[in-house]
Amino acid sequence: MSLSADYPGPHTVRFRGSSLSRWLLTRMGWQLDFDGFPRLQGVAIVYPHTSNWDFPIMLLVKWAIGVPARFWGKDALFRIPLLGAWMRWLGGIPLHRQSPQGVVGHMVALMQQHKQEQRLLWLALSPEGTRRRTQGWRSGFYQVALGADVPLALVRLDYSRKTVSVTDFLRLTGDEAADYARMAASYDGVRGLHAEFASPVQPLSKPFPAHTV
């Protein structure tokens, strides 16, 4: 099911990606389906997340596309020499636990600032937040995309077809049940490396914890 109609093409935000990364993905048997982003700012969620292999595959996808996507990380990790520098180089954004706005509020404000200044900012997240099966998804991605009114890219990491698709872009309505139903339809049939670890596409009952990714 395609959700691209929320942001009808052509999608003009494209990048000069790495031919080496594209070659490596091809050699590994993976296909990448990507035809640009609809806006300079947005949130991308990758599902399902069931294996340690997901991270290196998605790094190759990030480099193949050429998008300088950002991700959240615990601020303490960024204070570790070398590790912090490496995480920043990869695109990490420290989580400021003591921010008066909270983690989500801080990210919404950052998105809005980039919108005003017409600067690129795409945040990539795993909505599950863990490789283990849980009862649903954490709400941070939803709150940021809705609060900043930016596109939500639904990235399908499908091991059954060895395809990574970045083609569906959803504009959240605030009707959580309807929005999650559309996300579930987009991810229908997508299988992780360990399919039994995939969490159901539904919100967790507890709120997004400000101190974790």
Protein backbone atom coordinates (compact mmCIF):
# COMPACT_ATOMS: atom_id res chain seq x y z
CA MET A 1 0.00 0.00 0.00
CA SER A 2 1.54 3.31 -1.06
CA LEU A 3 1.15 6.39 1.09
CA SER A 4 3.10 8.67 -1.23
CA ALA A 5 -0.11 10.53 -2.14
CA ASP A 6 0.21 12.41 1.16
CA TYR A 7 3.21 14.12 -0.45
CA PRO A 8 2.70 13.77 -4.20
CA GLY A 9 5.84 13.61 -6.33
CA PRO A 10 8.12 14.27 -7.89
CA HIS A 11 10.17 14.23 -4.70
CA THR A 12 12.94 16.70 -5.35
CA VAL A 13 15.07 16.38 -2.22
CA ARG A 14 17.80 14.03 -3.38
CA PHE A 15 21.47 13.56 -2.70
CA ARG A 16 24.65 12.37 -4.32
CA GLY A 17 25.03 8.98 -2.72
CA SER A 18 27.97 6.63 -2.54
CA SER A 19 28.37 4.32 -5.53
CA LEU A 20 30.56 2.08 -3.37
CA SER A 21 27.74 1.66 -0.82
CA ARG A 22 25.25 0.90 -3.59
CA TRP A 23 27.67 -1.68 -4.99
CA LEU A 24 28.14 -3.29 -1.59
CA LEU A 25 24.38 -3.52 -1.06
CA THR A 26 24.01 -5.15 -4.47
CA ARG A 27 26.83 -7.60 -3.75
CA MET A 28 25.05 -8.52 -0.51
CA GLY A 29 21.88 -9.21 -2.50
CA TRP A 30 19.97 -6.14 -1.33
CA GLN A 31 17.87 -3.79 -3.43
CA LEU A 32 17.19 -0.15 -2.54
CA ASP A 33 13.97 1.56 -3.58
CA PHE A 34 14.27 5.33 -3.13
CA ASP A 35 13.12 8.24 -5.27
CA GLY A 36 13.77 11.30 -3.12
CA PHE A 37 12.30 12.97 -0.06
CA PRO A 38 9.29 15.32 -0.25
CA ARG A 39 10.66 17.91 2.20
CA LEU A 40 13.94 19.11 3.67
CA GLN A 41 12.85 18.03 7.15
CA GLY A 42 11.19 14.87 8.39
CA VAL A 43 11.25 11.77 10.55
CA ALA A 44 12.11 8.34 9.14
CA ILE A 45 11.23 5.16 11.02
CA VAL A 46 12.84 1.82 10.18
CA TYR A 47 10.80 -1.34 10.77
CA PRO A 48 11.17 -4.09 11.76
CA HIS A 49 14.28 -3.98 13.96
CA THR A 50 15.07 -7.57 14.95
CA SER A 51 18.81 -8.06 14.45
CA ASN A 52 22.23 -6.50 14.99
CA TRP A 53 22.62 -6.71 11.20
CA ASP A 54 19.98 -4.00 10.76
CA PHE A 55 22.40 -1.22 11.79
CA PRO A 56 25.20 -1.91 9.25
CA ILE A 57 22.65 -2.50 6.47
CA MET A 58 20.92 0.80 7.22
CA LEU A 59 24.29 2.58 7.39
CA LEU A 60 24.99 1.37 3.86
CA VAL A 61 21.51 2.54 2.83
CA LYS A 62 22.15 5.96 4.40
CA TRP A 63 25.44 6.29 2.51
CA ALA A 64 23.97 4.91 -0.72
CA ILE A 65 21.21 7.52 -0.62
CA GLY A 66 23.62 10.21 0.56
CA VAL A 67 21.24 11.64 3.17
CA PRO A 68 22.95 13.02 6.28
CA ALA A 69 20.23 11.50 8.50
CA ARG A 70 20.49 12.05 12.23
CA PHE A 71 19.61 9.76 15.12
CA TRP A 72 19.16 10.00 18.88
CA GLY A 73 21.74 8.73 21.33
CA LYS A 74 22.19 8.95 25.10
CA ASP A 75 24.19 12.09 25.90
CA ALA A 76 26.61 10.17 28.14
CA LEU A 77 27.87 8.24 25.12
CA PHE A 78 28.88 11.46 23.38
CA ARG A 79 31.16 12.36 26.28
CA ILE A 80 33.30 9.25 25.75
CA PRO A 81 36.46 10.08 23.76
CA LEU A 82 36.52 8.65 20.24
CA LEU A 83 33.10 7.01 20.65
CA GLY A 84 31.40 10.40 20.93
CA ALA A 85 33.27 11.74 17.91
CA TRP A 86 32.40 8.62 15.93
CA MET A 87 28.71 8.90 16.84
CA ARG A 88 28.62 12.57 15.83
CA TRP A 89 30.30 11.66 12.53
CA LEU A 90 27.56 9.06 11.93
CA GLY A 91 24.90 11.72 12.60
CA GLY A 92 24.14 11.21 16.27
CA ILE A 93 22.27 13.86 18.29
CA PRO A 94 22.79 13.71 22.07
CA LEU A 95 19.65 13.30 24.14
CA HIS A 96 19.63 16.20 26.62
CA ARG A 97 17.94 14.60 29.60
CA GLN A 98 17.80 17.83 31.57
CA SER A 99 16.34 19.94 28.75
CA PRO A 100 13.36 21.90 30.12
CA GLN A 101 11.51 21.12 26.89
CA GLY A 102 12.04 17.38 27.25
CA VAL A 103 13.54 15.20 24.55
CA VAL A 104 10.57 15.46 22.19
CA GLY A 105 10.10 19.19 22.75
CA HIS A 106 13.79 19.81 22.09
CA MET A 107 13.61 17.87 18.80
CA VAL A 108 10.38 19.59 17.70
CA ALA A 109 11.99 22.99 18.33
CA LEU A 110 15.07 21.92 16.36
CA MET A 111 12.89 20.77 13.46
CA GLN A 112 10.96 24.02 13.46
CA GLN A 113 14.18 26.02 13.48
CA HIS A 114 15.46 24.09 10.47
CA LYS A 115 12.15 24.65 8.69
CA GLN A 116 12.38 28.40 9.23
CA GLU A 117 15.97 28.45 7.99
CA GLN A 118 15.25 26.04 5.11
CA ARG A 119 17.97 23.66 6.30
CA LEU A 120 18.02 19.89 5.98
CA LEU A 121 17.17 17.75 9.01
CA TRP A 122 15.96 14.17 8.81
CA LEU A 123 15.76 12.14 12.02
CA ALA A 124 15.97 8.34 11.69
CA LEU A 125 14.58 6.15 14.47
CA SER A 126 13.57 2.61 15.28
CA PRO A 127 10.05 2.95 16.71
CA GLU A 128 10.48 -0.29 18.63
CA GLY A 129 13.59 1.02 20.39
CA THR A 130 14.97 -2.51 20.86
CA ARG A 131 15.61 -5.75 18.99
CA ARG A 132 13.43 -7.62 21.47
CA ARG A 133 9.72 -8.02 20.90
CA THR A 134 7.64 -5.54 22.88
CA GLN A 135 3.92 -4.81 23.07
CA GLY A 136 4.19 -1.90 20.63
CA TRP A 137 6.07 1.19 19.54
CA ARG A 138 7.44 4.07 21.56
CA SER A 139 5.76 7.36 20.79
CA GLY A 140 8.73 9.70 20.36
CA PHE A 141 8.76 9.53 16.56
CA TYR A 142 5.02 10.21 16.43
CA GLN A 143 5.19 13.21 18.75
CA VAL A 144 8.09 14.78 16.83
CA ALA A 145 6.57 14.32 13.36
CA LEU A 146 3.16 15.53 14.51
CA GLY A 147 4.45 18.41 16.63
CA ALA A 148 6.77 19.72 13.92
CA ASP A 149 4.30 18.94 11.09
CA VAL A 150 6.91 17.14 9.00
CA PRO A 151 6.62 14.03 6.79
CA LEU A 152 6.96 10.61 8.35
CA ALA A 153 8.93 8.27 6.08
CA LEU A 154 8.05 4.60 6.53
CA VAL A 155 11.25 2.67 5.79
CA ARG A 156 10.58 -1.02 5.14
CA LEU A 157 13.54 -3.29 5.98
CA ASP A 158 12.39 -6.54 4.41
CA TYR A 159 14.70 -9.54 4.76
CA SER A 160 12.25 -11.83 2.98
CA ARG A 161 12.74 -9.86 -0.25
CA LYS A 162 16.12 -8.32 0.72
CA THR A 163 14.70 -4.91 -0.12
CA VAL A 164 14.89 -1.57 1.67
CA SER A 165 12.05 0.70 0.54
CA VAL A 166 11.94 4.42 1.28
CA THR A 167 8.87 5.34 -0.73
CA ASP A 168 5.94 5.90 1.64
CA PHE A 169 5.51 9.28 3.30
CA LEU A 170 2.71 9.88 5.77
CA ARG A 171 1.37 13.15 7.14
CA LEU A 172 0.15 12.43 10.64
CA THR A 173 -3.34 13.62 11.49
CA GLY A 174 -3.31 13.32 15.28
CA ASP A 175 -5.90 10.54 15.03
CA GLU A 176 -3.58 7.92 16.48
CA ALA A 177 -5.75 4.91 15.64
CA ALA A 178 -6.14 5.96 12.00
CA ASP A 179 -2.47 6.86 11.62
CA TYR A 180 -1.31 3.55 13.07
CA ALA A 181 -3.74 1.67 10.83
CA ARG A 182 -2.13 3.26 7.78
CA MET A 183 1.36 2.46 9.08
CA ALA A 184 0.36 -1.15 9.71
CA ALA A 185 -1.00 -1.41 6.16
CA SER A 186 2.27 -0.12 4.72
CA TYR A 187 4.35 -2.60 6.74
CA ASP A 188 2.05 -5.55 6.08
CA GLY A 189 4.10 -8.53 4.88
CA VAL A 190 7.49 -7.01 5.73
CA ARG A 191 9.66 -9.46 7.65
CA GLY A 192 12.76 -8.88 9.74
CA LEU A 193 15.68 -11.29 9.99
CA HIS A 194 14.11 -12.71 13.13
CA ALA A 195 10.42 -12.26 12.39
CA GLU A 196 9.37 -13.49 15.81
CA PHE A 197 11.02 -10.45 17.44
CA ALA A 198 9.04 -7.86 15.47
CA SER A 199 6.77 -5.78 17.68
CA PRO A 200 3.17 -5.15 16.59
CA VAL A 201 2.48 -1.84 14.85
CA GLN A 202 0.61 -0.22 17.70
CA PRO A 203 1.47 2.39 20.36
CA LEU A 204 2.72 1.38 23.77
CA SER A 205 0.37 2.37 26.54
CA LYS A 206 3.07 4.13 28.53
CA PRO A 207 4.43 7.51 27.37
CA PHE A 208 7.76 7.94 25.63
CA PRO A 209 10.54 7.90 28.26
CA ALA A 210 12.61 11.06 28.05
CA HIS A 211 15.82 9.34 29.12
CA THR A 212 16.05 6.58 26.53
CA VAL A 213 16.29 6.24 22.77
